Amino acid sequence: MTHERPSADAPAYELTVTRDFVAQHFLTVPDPGPEGEVHSHHFTVEIRFSGPELGEYGYLVDIDAVEAILDDLEARYRDSLLNDLPEFEGLNPSVEHFARLFGDRVADALGDATPTGLSVRIWEDDVAWASHRRSLE
């Protein structure tokens, strides 16, 4: 059995934390069909951090700190109509936009931490998800 070394640009560590909640939206595109009516999704959010090294205490990022960020974000989005939130103003509230906007808030709240990458994957049901990935460097 051969062990391949990761490439120089591949992160050596990843940490994922998930959260789920129900929120509502309606799509604002031409001819949205039934998605143009207010409806709910049971969203599952996966926040994945990546980076080449661990911090002083052997963490890529402190899971308790991530949980606190997700507590705040869950409180913001749970049972809300996404279309009414300021970050969605002028945007079709697609799951793709939601993944990016959710990531914006995670990155802003993270502060000075070890991860160099952040990926947000949001499942809007059992079969469909979208993600957004960014560098934190």
N, C-alpha and C. Protein backbone atom coordinates (compact mmCIF):
# COMPACT_ATOMS: atom_id res chain seq x y z
N MET A 1 0.84 -1.18 0.00
CA MET A 1 0.00 0.00 0.00
C MET A 1 0.88 1.23 0.00
N THR A 2 0.58 2.17 -0.87
CA THR A 2 1.35 3.38 -0.99
C THR A 2 0.61 4.53 -0.33
N HIS A 3 1.33 5.33 0.41
CA HIS A 3 0.74 6.51 1.03
C HIS A 3 1.19 7.72 0.24
N GLU A 4 0.21 8.45 -0.30
CA GLU A 4 0.54 9.66 -1.03
C GLU A 4 0.59 10.83 -0.06
N ARG A 5 1.57 11.66 -0.25
CA ARG A 5 1.66 12.88 0.57
C ARG A 5 0.74 13.92 -0.04
N PRO A 6 0.07 14.69 0.80
CA PRO A 6 -0.78 15.75 0.25
C PRO A 6 0.08 16.78 -0.48
N SER A 7 -0.50 17.39 -1.49
CA SER A 7 0.24 18.42 -2.21
C SER A 7 0.51 19.59 -1.28
N ALA A 8 1.47 20.41 -1.65
CA ALA A 8 1.90 21.51 -0.79
C ALA A 8 0.77 22.49 -0.51
N ASP A 9 -0.19 22.61 -1.44
CA ASP A 9 -1.26 23.58 -1.24
C ASP A 9 -2.51 22.97 -0.60
N ALA A 10 -2.48 21.68 -0.29
CA ALA A 10 -3.63 21.03 0.33
C ALA A 10 -3.60 21.24 1.84
N PRO A 11 -4.75 21.60 2.44
CA PRO A 11 -4.78 21.74 3.90
C PRO A 11 -4.56 20.39 4.57
N ALA A 12 -3.90 20.42 5.69
CA ALA A 12 -3.62 19.19 6.42
C ALA A 12 -4.73 18.85 7.42
N TYR A 13 -5.51 19.83 7.83
CA TYR A 13 -6.55 19.62 8.85
C TYR A 13 -7.87 20.20 8.36
N GLU A 14 -8.96 19.53 8.75
CA GLU A 14 -10.30 20.04 8.50
C GLU A 14 -11.14 19.78 9.74
N LEU A 15 -12.07 20.68 10.01
CA LEU A 15 -13.01 20.54 11.11
C LEU A 15 -14.37 20.97 10.59
N THR A 16 -15.39 20.14 10.80
CA THR A 16 -16.74 20.46 10.36
C THR A 16 -17.68 20.45 11.54
N VAL A 17 -18.55 21.45 11.59
CA VAL A 17 -19.60 21.54 12.60
C VAL A 17 -20.91 21.77 11.85
N THR A 18 -21.97 21.09 12.27
CA THR A 18 -23.25 21.22 11.58
C THR A 18 -24.31 21.79 12.51
N ARG A 19 -25.33 22.33 11.88
CA ARG A 19 -26.47 22.90 12.61
C ARG A 19 -27.67 22.79 11.69
N ASP A 20 -28.86 22.61 12.24
CA ASP A 20 -30.05 22.61 11.40
C ASP A 20 -31.14 23.47 12.03
N PHE A 21 -31.98 24.01 11.17
CA PHE A 21 -33.08 24.88 11.58
C PHE A 21 -34.04 25.02 10.41
N VAL A 22 -35.21 25.52 10.70
CA VAL A 22 -36.22 25.77 9.68
C VAL A 22 -36.29 27.28 9.43
N ALA A 23 -36.33 27.64 8.15
CA ALA A 23 -36.52 29.04 7.75
C ALA A 23 -37.38 29.05 6.49
N GLN A 24 -37.90 30.21 6.17
CA GLN A 24 -38.78 30.36 5.01
C GLN A 24 -38.13 31.29 3.98
N HIS A 25 -38.58 31.13 2.75
CA HIS A 25 -38.23 32.07 1.70
C HIS A 25 -39.20 31.88 0.54
N PHE A 26 -39.09 32.76 -0.44
CA PHE A 26 -39.76 32.58 -1.73
C PHE A 26 -38.80 33.13 -2.77
N LEU A 27 -38.77 32.46 -3.92
CA LEU A 27 -37.85 32.87 -4.98
C LEU A 27 -38.42 34.04 -5.75
N THR A 28 -37.55 34.91 -6.23
CA THR A 28 -37.97 36.15 -6.88
C THR A 28 -37.57 36.18 -8.35
N VAL A 29 -37.32 35.03 -8.94
CA VAL A 29 -36.95 34.94 -10.35
C VAL A 29 -38.21 34.90 -11.20
N PRO A 30 -38.10 35.21 -12.51
CA PRO A 30 -39.29 35.08 -13.36
C PRO A 30 -39.78 33.63 -13.39
N ASP A 31 -41.08 33.47 -13.35
CA ASP A 31 -41.72 32.15 -13.41
C ASP A 31 -41.14 31.15 -12.41
N PRO A 32 -41.17 31.46 -11.12
CA PRO A 32 -40.57 30.55 -10.14
C PRO A 32 -41.41 29.32 -9.83
N GLY A 33 -42.62 29.25 -10.37
CA GLY A 33 -43.49 28.12 -10.05
C GLY A 33 -43.86 28.16 -8.59
N PRO A 34 -44.05 26.99 -7.97
CA PRO A 34 -44.47 26.97 -6.56
C PRO A 34 -43.43 27.57 -5.61
N GLU A 35 -42.17 27.62 -6.05
CA GLU A 35 -41.12 28.21 -5.21
C GLU A 35 -41.29 29.73 -5.06
N GLY A 36 -42.18 30.33 -5.84
CA GLY A 36 -42.46 31.76 -5.73
C GLY A 36 -43.39 32.10 -4.57
N GLU A 37 -43.95 31.09 -3.94
CA GLU A 37 -44.80 31.27 -2.76
C GLU A 37 -43.94 31.04 -1.52
N VAL A 38 -44.29 31.70 -0.42
CA VAL A 38 -43.56 31.49 0.83
C VAL A 38 -43.65 30.01 1.21
N HIS A 39 -42.50 29.43 1.48
CA HIS A 39 -42.45 28.03 1.89
C HIS A 39 -41.25 27.83 2.83
N SER A 40 -41.28 26.74 3.56
CA SER A 40 -40.25 26.43 4.55
C SER A 40 -39.27 25.40 4.02
N HIS A 41 -38.05 25.48 4.52
CA HIS A 41 -37.05 24.44 4.32
C HIS A 41 -36.46 24.09 5.68
N HIS A 42 -36.17 22.82 5.85
CA HIS A 42 -35.40 22.37 7.01
C HIS A 42 -33.95 22.38 6.55
N PHE A 43 -33.26 23.49 6.79
CA PHE A 43 -31.88 23.68 6.35
C PHE A 43 -30.93 22.95 7.29
N THR A 44 -29.93 22.31 6.71
CA THR A 44 -28.80 21.79 7.47
C THR A 44 -27.56 22.51 6.96
N VAL A 45 -26.85 23.16 7.88
CA VAL A 45 -25.66 23.92 7.53
C VAL A 45 -24.43 23.16 8.02
N GLU A 46 -23.48 22.98 7.13
CA GLU A 46 -22.18 22.39 7.48
C GLU A 46 -21.12 23.47 7.30
N ILE A 47 -20.43 23.78 8.37
CA ILE A 47 -19.34 24.75 8.34
C ILE A 47 -18.04 23.96 8.40
N ARG A 48 -17.22 24.06 7.37
CA ARG A 48 -15.95 23.33 7.35
C ARG A 48 -14.79 24.31 7.31
N PHE A 49 -13.91 24.18 8.29
CA PHE A 49 -12.69 24.97 8.35
C PHE A 49 -11.54 24.09 7.88
N SER A 50 -10.56 24.69 7.25
CA SER A 50 -9.38 23.94 6.82
C SER A 50 -8.14 24.79 7.05
N GLY A 51 -7.02 24.10 7.19
CA GLY A 51 -5.76 24.81 7.37
C GLY A 51 -4.60 23.85 7.50
N PRO A 52 -3.40 24.36 7.29
CA PRO A 52 -2.22 23.51 7.29
C PRO A 52 -1.65 23.20 8.67
N GLU A 53 -2.07 23.94 9.68
CA GLU A 53 -1.48 23.71 11.01
C GLU A 53 -2.47 24.02 12.11
N LEU A 54 -2.18 23.51 13.28
CA LEU A 54 -3.02 23.71 14.45
C LEU A 54 -2.50 24.87 15.28
N GLY A 55 -3.38 25.45 16.08
CA GLY A 55 -3.01 26.54 16.96
C GLY A 55 -2.30 26.05 18.21
N GLU A 56 -2.08 26.97 19.10
CA GLU A 56 -1.32 26.72 20.33
C GLU A 56 -1.84 25.53 21.14
N TYR A 57 -3.17 25.34 21.18
CA TYR A 57 -3.75 24.29 22.01
C TYR A 57 -4.10 23.02 21.24
N GLY A 58 -3.60 22.92 20.01
CA GLY A 58 -3.85 21.73 19.21
C GLY A 58 -5.19 21.73 18.50
N TYR A 59 -5.79 22.91 18.32
CA TYR A 59 -7.06 23.04 17.60
C TYR A 59 -6.82 23.75 16.28
N LEU A 60 -7.58 23.36 15.27
CA LEU A 60 -7.66 24.18 14.06
C LEU A 60 -8.51 25.41 14.39
N VAL A 61 -9.63 25.15 15.04
CA VAL A 61 -10.51 26.19 15.58
C VAL A 61 -11.24 25.57 16.76
N ASP A 62 -11.49 26.35 17.77
CA ASP A 62 -12.16 25.86 18.97
C ASP A 62 -13.63 25.56 18.64
N ILE A 63 -14.04 24.32 18.81
CA ILE A 63 -15.41 23.92 18.50
C ILE A 63 -16.42 24.72 19.32
N ASP A 64 -16.11 25.03 20.57
CA ASP A 64 -17.03 25.83 21.39
C ASP A 64 -17.24 27.22 20.79
N ALA A 65 -16.18 27.80 20.23
CA ALA A 65 -16.30 29.11 19.59
C ALA A 65 -17.18 29.01 18.34
N VAL A 66 -17.02 27.94 17.58
CA VAL A 66 -17.86 27.73 16.39
C VAL A 66 -19.31 27.53 16.81
N GLU A 67 -19.53 26.75 17.86
CA GLU A 67 -20.90 26.54 18.36
C GLU A 67 -21.55 27.86 18.76
N ALA A 68 -20.80 28.75 19.38
CA ALA A 68 -21.34 30.05 19.79
C ALA A 68 -21.72 30.88 18.56
N ILE A 69 -20.88 30.85 17.53
CA ILE A 69 -21.18 31.55 16.28
C ILE A 69 -22.46 30.98 15.68
N LEU A 70 -22.56 29.65 15.64
CA LEU A 70 -23.74 29.01 15.06
C LEU A 70 -24.98 29.26 15.90
N ASP A 71 -24.85 29.36 17.22
CA ASP A 71 -25.99 29.72 18.07
C ASP A 71 -26.56 31.06 17.63
N ASP A 72 -25.68 32.03 17.43
CA ASP A 72 -26.12 33.37 17.02
C ASP A 72 -26.76 33.34 15.63
N LEU A 73 -26.16 32.60 14.70
CA LEU A 73 -26.70 32.54 13.34
C LEU A 73 -28.01 31.77 13.30
N GLU A 74 -28.10 30.71 14.08
CA GLU A 74 -29.37 29.97 14.13
C GLU A 74 -30.47 30.88 14.67
N ALA A 75 -30.18 31.66 15.70
CA ALA A 75 -31.16 32.58 16.26
C ALA A 75 -31.59 33.62 15.21
N ARG A 76 -30.66 34.04 14.37
CA ARG A 76 -30.98 35.03 13.34
C ARG A 76 -31.89 34.45 12.26
N TYR A 77 -31.60 33.24 11.81
CA TYR A 77 -32.28 32.68 10.64
C TYR A 77 -33.46 31.77 10.98
N ARG A 78 -33.46 31.14 12.14
CA ARG A 78 -34.51 30.19 12.49
C ARG A 78 -35.88 30.88 12.46
N ASP A 79 -36.80 30.28 11.76
CA ASP A 79 -38.20 30.74 11.64
C ASP A 79 -38.34 32.11 11.00
N SER A 80 -37.29 32.58 10.32
CA SER A 80 -37.39 33.88 9.66
C SER A 80 -37.74 33.69 8.19
N LEU A 81 -38.22 34.77 7.59
CA LEU A 81 -38.42 34.83 6.14
C LEU A 81 -37.17 35.48 5.57
N LEU A 82 -36.34 34.69 4.91
CA LEU A 82 -35.05 35.19 4.43
C LEU A 82 -35.21 36.44 3.58
N ASN A 83 -36.25 36.50 2.78
CA ASN A 83 -36.47 37.66 1.90
C ASN A 83 -36.54 38.97 2.67
N ASP A 84 -36.95 38.93 3.94
CA ASP A 84 -37.11 40.15 4.75
C ASP A 84 -35.81 40.62 5.41
N LEU A 85 -34.76 39.81 5.36
CA LEU A 85 -33.52 40.18 6.05
C LEU A 85 -32.67 41.10 5.18
N PRO A 86 -32.01 42.08 5.79
CA PRO A 86 -31.26 43.07 5.01
C PRO A 86 -30.18 42.47 4.10
N GLU A 87 -29.55 41.38 4.53
CA GLU A 87 -28.48 40.81 3.70
C GLU A 87 -29.00 40.23 2.39
N PHE A 88 -30.32 39.95 2.31
CA PHE A 88 -30.90 39.42 1.08
C PHE A 88 -31.53 40.51 0.21
N GLU A 89 -31.44 41.76 0.65
CA GLU A 89 -32.06 42.84 -0.11
C GLU A 89 -31.51 42.86 -1.54
N GLY A 90 -32.42 42.84 -2.51
CA GLY A 90 -32.03 42.88 -3.92
C GLY A 90 -31.53 41.54 -4.46
N LEU A 91 -31.55 40.49 -3.65
CA LEU A 91 -31.07 39.18 -4.09
C LEU A 91 -32.22 38.18 -4.12
N ASN A 92 -32.18 37.28 -5.09
CA ASN A 92 -33.03 36.11 -5.05
C ASN A 92 -32.50 35.25 -3.90
N PRO A 93 -33.32 34.88 -2.92
CA PRO A 93 -32.81 34.16 -1.75
C PRO A 93 -32.57 32.67 -2.05
N SER A 94 -31.72 32.41 -3.00
CA SER A 94 -31.36 31.04 -3.35
C SER A 94 -30.48 30.44 -2.27
N VAL A 95 -30.37 29.12 -2.28
CA VAL A 95 -29.51 28.45 -1.32
C VAL A 95 -28.05 28.80 -1.59
N GLU A 96 -27.70 29.11 -2.85
CA GLU A 96 -26.33 29.53 -3.17
C GLU A 96 -26.00 30.87 -2.50
N HIS A 97 -26.91 31.84 -2.62
CA HIS A 97 -26.68 33.12 -1.95
C HIS A 97 -26.65 32.93 -0.44
N PHE A 98 -27.54 32.08 0.07
CA PHE A 98 -27.59 31.83 1.50
C PHE A 98 -26.24 31.29 2.00
N ALA A 99 -25.65 30.35 1.26
CA ALA A 99 -24.36 29.78 1.66
C ALA A 99 -23.28 30.87 1.74
N ARG A 100 -23.25 31.77 0.76
CA ARG A 100 -22.24 32.84 0.78
C ARG A 100 -22.49 33.80 1.93
N LEU A 101 -23.73 34.22 2.11
CA LEU A 101 -24.05 35.18 3.17
C LEU A 101 -23.82 34.59 4.55
N PHE A 102 -24.14 33.31 4.72
CA PHE A 102 -23.89 32.64 5.99
C PHE A 102 -22.39 32.62 6.25
N GLY A 103 -21.61 32.31 5.21
CA GLY A 103 -20.15 32.31 5.33
C GLY A 103 -19.60 33.68 5.68
N ASP A 104 -20.18 34.73 5.12
CA ASP A 104 -19.74 36.10 5.45
C ASP A 104 -19.84 36.32 6.96
N ARG A 105 -20.95 35.91 7.55
CA ARG A 105 -21.16 36.12 8.98
C ARG A 105 -20.26 35.24 9.83
N VAL A 106 -20.01 34.01 9.38
CA VAL A 106 -19.07 33.14 10.11
C VAL A 106 -17.68 33.75 10.08
N ALA A 107 -17.23 34.16 8.90
CA ALA A 107 -15.88 34.73 8.76
C ALA A 107 -15.73 35.99 9.60
N ASP A 108 -16.75 36.85 9.61
CA ASP A 108 -16.69 38.08 10.41
C ASP A 108 -16.62 37.77 11.91
N ALA A 109 -17.33 36.74 12.35
CA ALA A 109 -17.39 36.41 13.78
C ALA A 109 -16.18 35.61 14.25
N LEU A 110 -15.46 35.01 13.34
CA LEU A 110 -14.39 34.10 13.70
C LEU A 110 -13.23 34.79 14.39
N GLY A 111 -12.95 36.00 13.96
CA GLY A 111 -11.83 36.72 14.57
C GLY A 111 -10.49 36.12 14.19
N ASP A 112 -9.54 36.16 15.09
CA ASP A 112 -8.18 35.72 14.83
C ASP A 112 -8.06 34.24 15.18
N ALA A 113 -8.22 33.37 14.19
CA ALA A 113 -8.14 31.93 14.42
C ALA A 113 -7.19 31.32 13.39
N THR A 114 -6.87 30.07 13.57
CA THR A 114 -5.89 29.37 12.76
C THR A 114 -6.34 29.00 11.34
N PRO A 115 -7.62 28.71 11.09
CA PRO A 115 -8.01 28.22 9.76
C PRO A 115 -7.63 29.18 8.65
N THR A 116 -7.31 28.61 7.50
CA THR A 116 -7.01 29.42 6.32
C THR A 116 -8.11 29.29 5.27
N GLY A 117 -9.03 28.35 5.47
CA GLY A 117 -10.13 28.16 4.53
C GLY A 117 -11.44 27.92 5.25
N LEU A 118 -12.52 28.33 4.60
CA LEU A 118 -13.87 28.15 5.13
C LEU A 118 -14.77 27.71 3.99
N SER A 119 -15.53 26.68 4.23
CA SER A 119 -16.54 26.23 3.27
C SER A 119 -17.85 26.11 4.01
N VAL A 120 -18.91 26.63 3.41
CA VAL A 120 -20.25 26.53 3.97
C VAL A 120 -21.10 25.75 2.99
N ARG A 121 -21.66 24.65 3.45
CA ARG A 121 -22.58 23.85 2.64
C ARG A 121 -23.94 23.91 3.33
N ILE A 122 -24.96 24.28 2.57
CA ILE A 122 -26.32 24.33 3.11
C ILE A 122 -27.20 23.38 2.31
N TRP A 123 -27.74 22.41 3.03
CA TRP A 123 -28.72 21.49 2.47
C TRP A 123 -30.09 22.13 2.64
N GLU A 124 -30.88 22.20 1.56
CA GLU A 124 -32.24 22.73 1.71
C GLU A 124 -33.27 21.62 1.80
N ASP A 125 -32.85 20.40 1.56
CA ASP A 125 -33.68 19.22 1.75
C ASP A 125 -32.77 18.00 1.71
N ASP A 126 -33.34 16.83 1.59
CA ASP A 126 -32.55 15.60 1.65
C ASP A 126 -31.68 15.36 0.43
N VAL A 127 -31.94 16.06 -0.68
CA VAL A 127 -31.22 15.75 -1.92
C VAL A 127 -30.47 16.93 -2.53
N ALA A 128 -30.69 18.15 -2.05
CA ALA A 128 -30.10 19.31 -2.71
C ALA A 128 -29.34 20.19 -1.73
N TRP A 129 -28.14 20.61 -2.12
CA TRP A 129 -27.34 21.52 -1.32
C TRP A 129 -26.55 22.43 -2.25
N ALA A 130 -26.08 23.52 -1.67
CA ALA A 130 -25.16 24.44 -2.36
C ALA A 130 -24.07 24.78 -1.37
N SER A 131 -22.92 25.18 -1.90
CA SER A 131 -21.82 25.54 -0.99
C SER A 131 -21.11 26.77 -1.51
N HIS A 132 -20.38 27.38 -0.60
CA HIS A 132 -19.52 28.52 -0.92
C HIS A 132 -18.22 28.33 -0.16
N ARG A 133 -17.11 28.52 -0.87
CA ARG A 133 -15.80 28.32 -0.26
C ARG A 133 -15.00 29.61 -0.40
N ARG A 134 -14.19 29.90 0.63
CA ARG A 134 -13.38 31.11 0.60
C ARG A 134 -12.08 30.90 1.38
N SER A 135 -11.12 31.72 1.08
CA SER A 135 -9.88 31.75 1.83
C SER A 135 -10.05 32.68 3.01
N LEU A 136 -9.46 32.35 4.13
CA LEU A 136 -9.50 33.22 5.31
C LEU A 136 -8.16 33.90 5.53
N GLU A 137 -7.27 33.78 4.58
CA GLU A 137 -5.93 34.37 4.73
C GLU A 137 -5.95 35.82 4.36
